[in-house]
Amino acid sequence: MAIKYEAYTRLGEKVVGVLHTDDEEAAYDILEQEDLIPYLLRPASGSFNVARMFPTIFNPSSQDIIDFTRQLAALLGSGIPLVRCLMAQRGQVSNTGLRYALGEIISSVEAGNKLSDALDEQSHIFPDFYVRMLRVGEATGGLPFVLNQVADTLQRRKAVSDRVRDAAVYPAFTLLVAIVAAVVLVTYSLPSLSGLLSEVGGNLPTSTRVLINVSDFFDLYGTPILVVLAAIVVLVFVALRTEIGRAATDTVLLRVPVIGRVIVANNMFALASILSTLLRSGMSPIEGLRLTQRGMANAYYRRRLGRVIDRATEGTKLGEAFDEDGGFPSIVSQAIITGETRGRLDDTMSGLAEYYEDVTKRAAGGITELIQPAIILFVAGMVGFVAVAIISGIYSALGAVR
């Protein structure tokens, strides 16, 4: 890659040029070998940058952010200057969006801004919770410690989210394969068989006639059905992009048996884990709740948490505000009341986070145990019906031939 540099000689003369090297860390080494003092390095990129044009498309994964955070904490803890740490990170990250964002962050820090302010400019990658925690670390001088705290919180949230996602992947994949197989069979295989059976004649079994009628229906109306389904999917996708659509969907999902329990537990874990981390950094409970509200995925609980914050701002104790709202599990309000009474709200929320972490994992496992047998029975029933219909129809046709 091409790297523009500004450096100074030992006599104070400014030198400007371009180096062609693997990364900015290597450029630093080259300049030092040439007895130059590096002042400013940045990629000599062209005007077009895909990551700059479409930043959200190239957003890094949560694991990318966790790895970056832990490595940055380790480098800062070893005494390496911040800009050198960021350049070392930029040279080794694989995600295009994060690499471009780090380039912007380096430029902002070199211009004299704090790291937290530079990260705040990349809000599509680093959330408010992340930025505010860094500001606390900068104010206290414990940035490596705070970075490790943030990484631990993000890692726990990722572990819980992965468990919830994995619980739904296998049943969804199994059901999708079954549906695709049924559509292929009914659309392409059965028409030729139904034509053969019709030519042979005879009294076909009920199951065979039902299967043939289904095949004929899809043969006539398959294309319109697919168009309608595609339109419905697009409309649902557009609706979910709106605040009203997300709120309605989140509210409905909370009332779905089993699934609603997982969603509640996952959101309570996010609430407790983020708030406990913010409280331990010295933030006030109300300010911590405001940042926690932005980090919650469920629109229903974001709205509920906003009401709690309003009550607490007016002077109501936090635990009482949760209790009066009634939209949160009673264990949450009772835990907060206990924490406020003892003056250890951060420890109470940390314990609550551990509890809901365990509840979420067990609930997600329960979904798998409940849905998998139902999916297997459904697939077995569908395949069995098709097999019986085809075999009985073939036997009926052979009998008519004799």
Protein backbone atom coordinates (compact mmCIF):
# COMPACT_ATOMS: atom_id res chain seq x y z
CA MET A 1 0.00 0.00 0.00
CA ALA A 2 1.07 3.62 -0.55
CA ILE A 3 1.52 5.72 2.59
CA LYS A 4 2.03 9.49 2.63
CA TYR A 5 4.31 10.73 5.37
CA GLU A 6 5.54 13.91 6.96
CA ALA A 7 8.75 13.64 9.01
CA TYR A 8 11.59 15.75 10.33
CA THR A 9 15.34 15.32 10.26
CA ARG A 10 17.46 15.67 13.40
CA LEU A 11 18.14 19.24 12.30
CA GLY A 12 14.44 20.09 12.19
CA GLU A 13 13.97 20.04 8.41
CA LYS A 14 10.60 18.85 7.18
CA VAL A 15 10.51 15.90 4.76
CA VAL A 16 7.40 14.85 2.81
CA GLY A 17 7.04 11.76 0.65
CA VAL A 18 5.29 8.47 -0.14
CA LEU A 19 6.33 4.99 0.97
CA HIS A 20 5.16 1.76 -0.63
CA THR A 21 5.01 -0.76 2.19
CA ASP A 22 2.71 -3.31 3.82
CA ASP A 23 1.29 -1.14 6.60
CA GLU A 24 1.85 2.04 8.60
CA GLU A 25 3.79 0.23 11.31
CA ALA A 26 6.35 -0.85 8.71
CA ALA A 27 6.46 2.74 7.43
CA TYR A 28 7.39 3.92 10.92
CA ASP A 29 10.26 1.43 11.01
CA ILE A 30 11.54 2.53 7.58
CA LEU A 31 11.53 6.21 8.56
CA GLU A 32 13.34 5.50 11.83
CA GLN A 33 15.97 3.50 9.94
CA GLU A 34 16.51 6.53 7.71
CA ASP A 35 17.04 8.64 10.85
CA LEU A 36 13.82 10.56 10.31
CA ILE A 37 11.33 11.49 13.03
CA PRO A 38 7.79 10.55 11.85
CA TYR A 39 5.16 13.22 12.37
CA LEU A 40 2.17 12.27 10.24
CA LEU A 41 1.33 9.10 8.28
CA ARG A 42 -1.81 8.34 6.35
CA PRO A 43 -2.84 6.10 3.43
CA ALA A 44 -2.30 7.65 0.00
CA SER A 45 -5.69 6.46 -1.22
CA GLY A 46 -7.67 7.75 -4.15
CA SER A 47 -10.86 9.75 -3.91
CA PHE A 48 -13.10 6.68 -4.21
CA ASN A 49 -13.37 4.38 -1.23
CA VAL A 50 -16.08 1.71 -1.07
CA ALA A 51 -16.13 1.69 2.74
CA ARG A 52 -16.54 5.47 2.78
CA MET A 53 -19.35 5.38 0.21
CA PHE A 54 -21.28 2.54 1.92
CA PRO A 55 -20.14 2.46 5.56
CA THR A 56 -23.04 0.40 6.97
CA ILE A 57 -22.58 -2.38 4.39
CA PHE A 58 -19.02 -3.00 5.54
CA ASN A 59 -19.71 -2.71 9.26
CA PRO A 60 -17.48 -5.03 11.30
CA SER A 61 -18.93 -7.92 13.27
CA SER A 62 -19.26 -7.80 17.04
CA GLN A 63 -16.27 -10.16 17.31
CA ASP A 64 -14.17 -7.73 15.24
CA ILE A 65 -14.99 -4.95 17.72
CA ILE A 66 -14.24 -7.20 20.70
CA ASP A 67 -10.87 -8.24 19.27
CA PHE A 68 -9.98 -4.62 18.46
CA THR A 69 -10.92 -3.51 21.97
CA ARG A 70 -8.89 -6.21 23.73
CA GLN A 71 -5.83 -5.68 21.53
CA LEU A 72 -5.98 -1.92 21.99
CA ALA A 73 -6.16 -2.39 25.77
CA ALA A 74 -3.14 -4.71 25.68
CA LEU A 75 -1.08 -2.33 23.53
CA LEU A 76 -1.91 0.72 25.64
CA GLY A 77 -1.21 -1.25 28.80
CA SER A 78 2.28 -2.04 27.53
CA GLY A 79 3.07 1.67 27.21
CA ILE A 80 2.86 2.10 23.43
CA PRO A 81 1.59 5.57 22.35
CA LEU A 82 -2.04 5.73 21.28
CA VAL A 83 -1.43 6.63 17.62
CA ARG A 84 1.10 3.82 17.24
CA CYS A 85 -1.42 1.41 18.80
CA LEU A 86 -4.14 2.48 16.38
CA MET A 87 -1.79 2.20 13.40
CA ALA A 88 -0.73 -1.28 14.47
CA GLN A 89 -4.39 -2.25 14.74
CA ARG A 90 -5.22 -0.78 11.36
CA GLY A 91 -2.47 -2.77 9.72
CA GLN A 92 -3.84 -6.11 10.88
CA VAL A 93 -7.64 -5.84 10.81
CA SER A 94 -9.31 -7.70 7.95
CA ASN A 95 -12.68 -5.93 7.87
CA THR A 96 -12.80 -3.17 5.24
CA GLY A 97 -15.17 -0.95 7.20
CA LEU A 98 -13.16 -1.13 10.42
CA ARG A 99 -9.89 -0.50 8.56
CA TYR A 100 -11.32 2.63 6.95
CA ALA A 101 -12.82 3.79 10.26
CA LEU A 102 -9.46 3.36 11.99
CA GLY A 103 -7.86 5.52 9.32
CA GLU A 104 -10.36 8.27 10.10
CA ILE A 105 -9.85 7.79 13.85
CA ILE A 106 -6.07 8.06 13.48
CA SER A 107 -6.43 11.30 11.52
CA SER A 108 -8.79 12.71 14.17
CA VAL A 109 -6.46 11.77 17.05
CA GLU A 110 -3.45 13.20 15.22
CA ALA A 111 -5.41 16.43 14.81
CA GLY A 112 -5.60 16.70 18.62
CA ASN A 113 -8.96 15.08 19.40
CA LYS A 114 -9.49 12.57 22.18
CA LEU A 115 -9.95 8.90 21.29
CA SER A 116 -13.54 8.94 22.55
CA ASP A 117 -14.37 11.93 20.32
CA ALA A 118 -12.76 10.21 17.35
CA LEU A 119 -14.79 7.04 18.00
CA ASP A 120 -17.96 9.09 18.40
CA GLU A 121 -17.52 10.24 14.79
CA GLN A 122 -17.82 6.55 13.79
CA SER A 123 -21.14 6.00 15.60
CA HIS A 124 -22.27 3.38 13.06
CA ILE A 125 -19.53 1.11 14.49
CA PHE A 126 -19.02 2.24 18.09
CA PRO A 127 -22.24 2.71 20.12
CA ASP A 128 -22.88 5.42 22.72
CA PHE A 129 -22.18 2.98 25.54
CA TYR A 130 -18.72 2.26 24.12
CA VAL A 131 -17.83 5.92 23.61
CA ARG A 132 -19.08 7.03 27.03
CA MET A 133 -17.07 4.31 28.78
CA LEU A 134 -13.93 5.51 26.99
CA ARG A 135 -14.59 9.05 28.13
CA VAL A 136 -14.72 7.78 31.70
CA GLY A 137 -11.41 5.95 31.15
CA GLU A 138 -9.77 9.05 29.70
CA ALA A 139 -10.97 11.16 32.65
CA THR A 140 -9.66 8.69 35.24
CA GLY A 141 -6.47 7.72 33.43
CA GLY A 142 -7.50 4.05 33.35
CA LEU A 143 -8.21 3.62 29.64
CA PRO A 144 -6.76 0.07 29.33
CA PHE A 145 -8.85 -1.10 32.31
CA VAL A 146 -12.03 0.45 30.89
CA LEU A 147 -11.36 -1.06 27.47
CA ASN A 148 -11.11 -4.51 29.04
CA GLN A 149 -14.39 -3.89 30.89
CA VAL A 150 -16.08 -2.93 27.61
CA ALA A 151 -14.65 -6.00 25.87
CA ASP A 152 -15.93 -8.28 28.65
CA THR A 153 -19.42 -6.78 28.43
CA LEU A 154 -19.51 -7.08 24.63
CA GLN A 155 -18.24 -10.67 24.82
CA ARG A 156 -20.97 -11.71 27.25
CA ARG A 157 -23.66 -10.07 25.12
CA LYS A 158 -22.31 -11.80 22.02
CA ALA A 159 -22.29 -15.19 23.75
CA VAL A 160 -25.94 -14.80 24.72
CA SER A 161 -26.95 -13.53 21.26
CA ASP A 162 -25.11 -16.43 19.60
CA ARG A 163 -26.95 -18.92 21.81
CA VAL A 164 -30.32 -17.40 20.85
CA ARG A 165 -29.39 -17.37 17.16
CA ASP A 166 -28.12 -20.94 17.17
CA ALA A 167 -31.33 -22.13 18.80
CA ALA A 168 -33.30 -20.91 15.77
CA VAL A 169 -30.88 -21.85 12.98
CA TYR A 170 -31.34 -25.65 12.97
CA PRO A 171 -35.16 -25.69 13.05
CA ALA A 172 -35.35 -22.93 10.43
CA PHE A 173 -32.87 -24.73 8.16
CA THR A 174 -34.69 -28.05 8.51
CA LEU A 175 -38.05 -26.46 7.75
CA LEU A 176 -36.62 -24.59 4.75
CA VAL A 177 -35.16 -27.79 3.28
CA ALA A 178 -38.48 -29.58 3.75
CA ILE A 179 -40.42 -26.77 2.05
CA VAL A 180 -37.97 -26.60 -0.87
CA ALA A 181 -38.15 -30.38 -1.32
CA ALA A 182 -41.96 -30.30 -1.26
CA VAL A 183 -42.10 -27.44 -3.79
CA VAL A 184 -39.68 -29.22 -6.16
CA LEU A 185 -41.61 -32.48 -5.84
CA VAL A 186 -45.02 -30.93 -6.37
CA THR A 187 -43.89 -28.58 -9.16
CA TYR A 188 -41.58 -30.78 -11.24
CA SER A 189 -41.93 -34.45 -10.31
CA LEU A 190 -45.65 -34.98 -9.74
CA PRO A 191 -46.97 -33.50 -13.00
CA SER A 192 -45.34 -36.27 -15.07
CA LEU A 193 -46.54 -38.93 -12.63
CA SER A 194 -50.09 -37.56 -12.60
CA GLY A 195 -50.14 -37.63 -16.40
CA LEU A 196 -49.07 -41.27 -16.38
CA LEU A 197 -51.69 -42.24 -13.81
CA SER A 198 -54.41 -40.40 -15.73
CA GLU A 199 -53.54 -42.30 -18.93
CA VAL A 200 -53.66 -45.65 -17.17
CA GLY A 201 -57.00 -44.84 -15.58
CA GLY A 202 -58.52 -46.69 -12.67
CA ASN A 203 -59.88 -45.50 -9.35
CA LEU A 204 -57.04 -43.61 -7.68
CA PRO A 205 -56.75 -43.50 -3.84
CA THR A 206 -57.86 -40.34 -2.04
CA SER A 207 -54.29 -39.43 -0.99
CA THR A 208 -53.11 -39.67 -4.61
CA ARG A 209 -55.97 -37.50 -5.88
CA VAL A 210 -55.24 -34.89 -3.20
CA LEU A 211 -51.58 -34.82 -4.18
CA ILE A 212 -52.40 -34.51 -7.88
CA ASN A 213 -54.86 -31.67 -7.19
CA VAL A 214 -52.19 -29.85 -5.17
CA SER A 215 -49.71 -30.32 -8.01
CA ASP A 216 -52.22 -29.01 -10.56
CA PHE A 217 -53.00 -26.01 -8.35
CA PHE A 218 -49.34 -25.02 -8.07
CA ASP A 219 -48.88 -25.61 -11.79
CA LEU A 220 -51.65 -23.11 -12.55
CA TYR A 221 -51.12 -20.54 -9.80
CA GLY A 222 -47.49 -21.10 -8.77
CA THR A 223 -46.16 -17.90 -10.35
CA PRO A 224 -48.84 -15.58 -8.90
CA ILE A 225 -48.37 -17.17 -5.48
CA LEU A 226 -44.61 -16.56 -5.62
CA VAL A 227 -45.18 -12.95 -6.69
CA VAL A 228 -47.60 -12.37 -3.80
CA LEU A 229 -45.22 -13.98 -1.31
CA ALA A 230 -42.34 -11.86 -2.59
CA ALA A 231 -44.48 -8.72 -2.26
CA ILE A 232 -45.43 -9.67 1.31
CA VAL A 233 -41.76 -10.22 2.22
CA VAL A 234 -40.83 -6.81 0.79
CA LEU A 235 -43.70 -5.08 2.62
CA VAL A 236 -42.76 -6.74 5.91
CA PHE A 237 -39.11 -5.76 5.41
CA VAL A 238 -40.08 -2.13 4.73
CA ALA A 239 -42.46 -2.09 7.70
CA LEU A 240 -39.75 -3.39 10.02
CA ARG A 241 -37.54 -0.47 8.99
CA THR A 242 -40.03 1.97 10.48
CA GLU A 243 -40.28 2.76 14.19
CA ILE A 244 -43.99 1.85 14.31
CA GLY A 245 -43.38 -1.46 12.52
CA ARG A 246 -40.51 -2.42 14.82
CA ALA A 247 -42.50 -1.49 17.92
CA ALA A 248 -45.52 -3.52 16.79
CA THR A 249 -43.40 -6.53 15.90
CA ASP A 250 -41.43 -6.43 19.15
CA THR A 251 -44.65 -6.17 21.17
CA VAL A 252 -46.25 -9.13 19.37
CA LEU A 253 -43.15 -11.31 19.69
CA LEU A 254 -43.11 -10.78 23.46
CA ARG A 255 -46.52 -12.49 23.64
CA VAL A 256 -45.49 -15.55 21.62
CA PRO A 257 -45.10 -18.58 23.94
CA VAL A 258 -41.50 -19.73 24.57
CA ILE A 259 -40.05 -17.18 22.11
CA GLY A 260 -41.34 -14.28 24.23
CA ARG A 261 -39.58 -15.70 27.29
CA VAL A 262 -36.26 -15.72 25.43
CA ILE A 263 -36.75 -12.14 24.23
CA VAL A 264 -37.59 -10.90 27.74
CA ALA A 265 -34.58 -12.66 29.28
CA ASN A 266 -32.23 -11.41 26.55
CA ASN A 267 -33.36 -7.80 26.95
CA MET A 268 -33.14 -7.94 30.75
CA PHE A 269 -29.61 -9.31 30.41
CA ALA A 270 -28.69 -6.40 28.12
CA LEU A 271 -30.25 -3.93 30.57
CA ALA A 272 -28.46 -5.34 33.62
CA SER A 273 -25.06 -5.96 32.00
CA ILE A 274 -24.73 -2.54 30.35
CA LEU A 275 -26.05 -0.65 33.38
CA SER A 276 -23.75 -2.50 35.81
CA THR A 277 -20.72 -1.69 33.66
CA LEU A 278 -21.67 2.00 33.45
CA LEU A 279 -22.35 2.25 37.18
CA ARG A 280 -18.96 0.73 38.02
CA SER A 281 -17.32 3.37 35.87
CA GLY A 282 -18.80 6.05 38.14
CA MET A 283 -21.76 7.12 36.01
CA SER A 284 -25.03 8.16 37.63
CA PRO A 285 -27.94 5.67 37.43
CA ILE A 286 -30.16 7.95 35.32
CA GLU A 287 -27.41 8.78 32.85
CA GLY A 288 -26.51 5.09 32.72
CA LEU A 289 -30.13 4.19 31.96
CA ARG A 290 -30.22 6.71 29.11
CA LEU A 291 -27.23 5.04 27.48
CA THR A 292 -28.64 1.58 28.25
CA GLN A 293 -31.90 2.56 26.57
CA ARG A 294 -30.06 3.28 23.31
CA GLY A 295 -28.33 -0.11 23.47
CA MET A 296 -31.50 -2.20 23.84
CA ALA A 297 -32.73 -3.90 20.68
CA ASN A 298 -36.41 -4.26 21.62
CA ALA A 299 -38.52 -1.17 20.86
CA TYR A 300 -41.11 -2.09 23.51
CA TYR A 301 -38.53 -2.07 26.30
CA ARG A 302 -36.88 1.07 24.96
CA ARG A 303 -40.21 2.86 25.31
CA ARG A 304 -40.81 1.41 28.77
CA LEU A 305 -37.33 2.37 29.91
CA GLY A 306 -37.95 5.94 28.68
CA ARG A 307 -40.97 6.15 31.02
CA VAL A 308 -38.88 4.86 33.92
CA ILE A 309 -36.22 7.48 33.22
CA ASP A 310 -38.86 10.22 33.16
CA ARG A 311 -40.21 9.12 36.56
CA ALA A 312 -36.71 8.88 38.05
CA THR A 313 -35.83 12.34 36.70
CA GLU A 314 -38.90 13.76 38.45
CA GLY A 315 -37.61 12.45 41.78
CA THR A 316 -38.98 8.91 42.09
CA LYS A 317 -36.50 6.32 43.31
CA LEU A 318 -35.24 4.09 40.52
CA GLY A 319 -36.59 0.84 41.95
CA GLU A 320 -40.00 2.40 42.59
CA ALA A 321 -40.05 3.80 39.04
CA PHE A 322 -39.48 0.30 37.63
CA ASP A 323 -42.14 -1.14 39.95
CA GLU A 324 -44.73 1.51 39.06
CA ASP A 325 -44.15 1.05 35.32
CA GLY A 326 -45.15 -2.62 35.44
CA GLY A 327 -43.57 -3.44 32.10
CA PHE A 328 -40.53 -5.19 33.54
CA PRO A 329 -40.29 -8.49 35.45
CA SER A 330 -40.80 -7.96 39.18
CA ILE A 331 -37.35 -9.40 39.95
CA VAL A 332 -35.79 -6.39 38.18
CA SER A 333 -37.57 -3.78 40.29
CA GLN A 334 -36.96 -5.76 43.50
CA ALA A 335 -33.26 -6.13 42.71
CA ILE A 336 -32.91 -2.40 42.03
CA ILE A 337 -34.76 -1.51 45.25
CA THR A 338 -32.40 -3.80 47.18
CA GLY A 339 -29.35 -2.34 45.46
CA GLU A 340 -30.43 1.23 46.21
CA THR A 341 -31.10 0.36 49.85
CA ARG A 342 -27.67 -1.20 50.31
CA GLY A 343 -25.88 1.41 48.23
CA ARG A 344 -24.45 -1.29 45.93
CA LEU A 345 -26.60 -0.96 42.83
CA ASP A 346 -23.68 -1.88 40.54
CA ASP A 347 -23.15 -5.22 42.29
CA THR A 348 -26.87 -5.94 42.28
CA MET A 349 -27.14 -5.28 38.54
CA SER A 350 -24.08 -7.44 37.91
CA GLY A 351 -25.72 -10.32 39.79
CA LEU A 352 -28.96 -9.73 37.88
CA ALA A 353 -27.01 -9.85 34.61
CA GLU A 354 -25.53 -13.22 35.56
CA TYR A 355 -29.00 -14.53 36.43
CA TYR A 356 -30.54 -13.44 33.13
CA GLU A 357 -27.53 -14.67 31.20
CA ASP A 358 -28.24 -18.15 32.55
CA VAL A 359 -32.00 -17.80 31.99
CA THR A 360 -31.49 -16.74 28.36
CA LYS A 361 -29.18 -19.66 27.61
CA ARG A 362 -31.58 -22.17 29.18
CA ALA A 363 -34.60 -20.63 27.45
CA ALA A 364 -32.83 -20.71 24.09
CA GLY A 365 -31.99 -24.37 24.65
CA GLY A 366 -35.64 -24.98 25.50
CA ILE A 367 -36.68 -23.55 22.13
CA THR A 368 -34.45 -26.06 20.36
CA GLU A 369 -35.76 -28.96 22.45
CA LEU A 370 -39.36 -27.92 21.80
CA ILE A 371 -39.20 -27.00 18.13
CA GLN A 372 -36.92 -29.74 16.81
CA PRO A 373 -39.34 -32.63 17.54
CA ALA A 374 -42.21 -30.63 16.03
CA ILE A 375 -40.18 -29.93 12.88
CA ILE A 376 -39.13 -33.57 12.61
CA LEU A 377 -42.75 -34.74 12.98
CA PHE A 378 -43.90 -32.22 10.39
CA VAL A 379 -41.24 -33.23 7.86
CA ALA A 380 -41.82 -36.94 8.51
CA GLY A 381 -45.57 -36.50 8.10
CA MET A 382 -45.20 -34.57 4.85
CA VAL A 383 -42.69 -37.01 3.36
CA GLY A 384 -44.78 -39.98 4.55
CA PHE A 385 -47.96 -38.57 2.98
CA VAL A 386 -46.22 -37.98 -0.35
CA ALA A 387 -44.68 -41.46 -0.30
CA VAL A 388 -47.99 -43.17 0.52
CA ALA A 389 -49.84 -41.15 -2.13
CA ILE A 390 -47.31 -42.01 -4.85
CA ILE A 391 -46.91 -45.70 -3.97
CA SER A 392 -50.65 -46.29 -3.54
CA GLY A 393 -51.29 -44.51 -6.86
CA ILE A 394 -48.71 -46.71 -8.64
CA TYR A 395 -50.26 -49.89 -7.18
CA SER A 396 -53.72 -48.70 -8.20
CA ALA A 397 -52.50 -48.05 -11.77
CA LEU A 398 -50.85 -51.48 -11.97
CA GLY A 399 -54.11 -53.07 -10.84
CA ALA A 400 -56.00 -51.22 -13.56
CA VAL A 401 -53.54 -52.48 -16.20
CA ARG A 402 -54.16 -56.10 -15.19
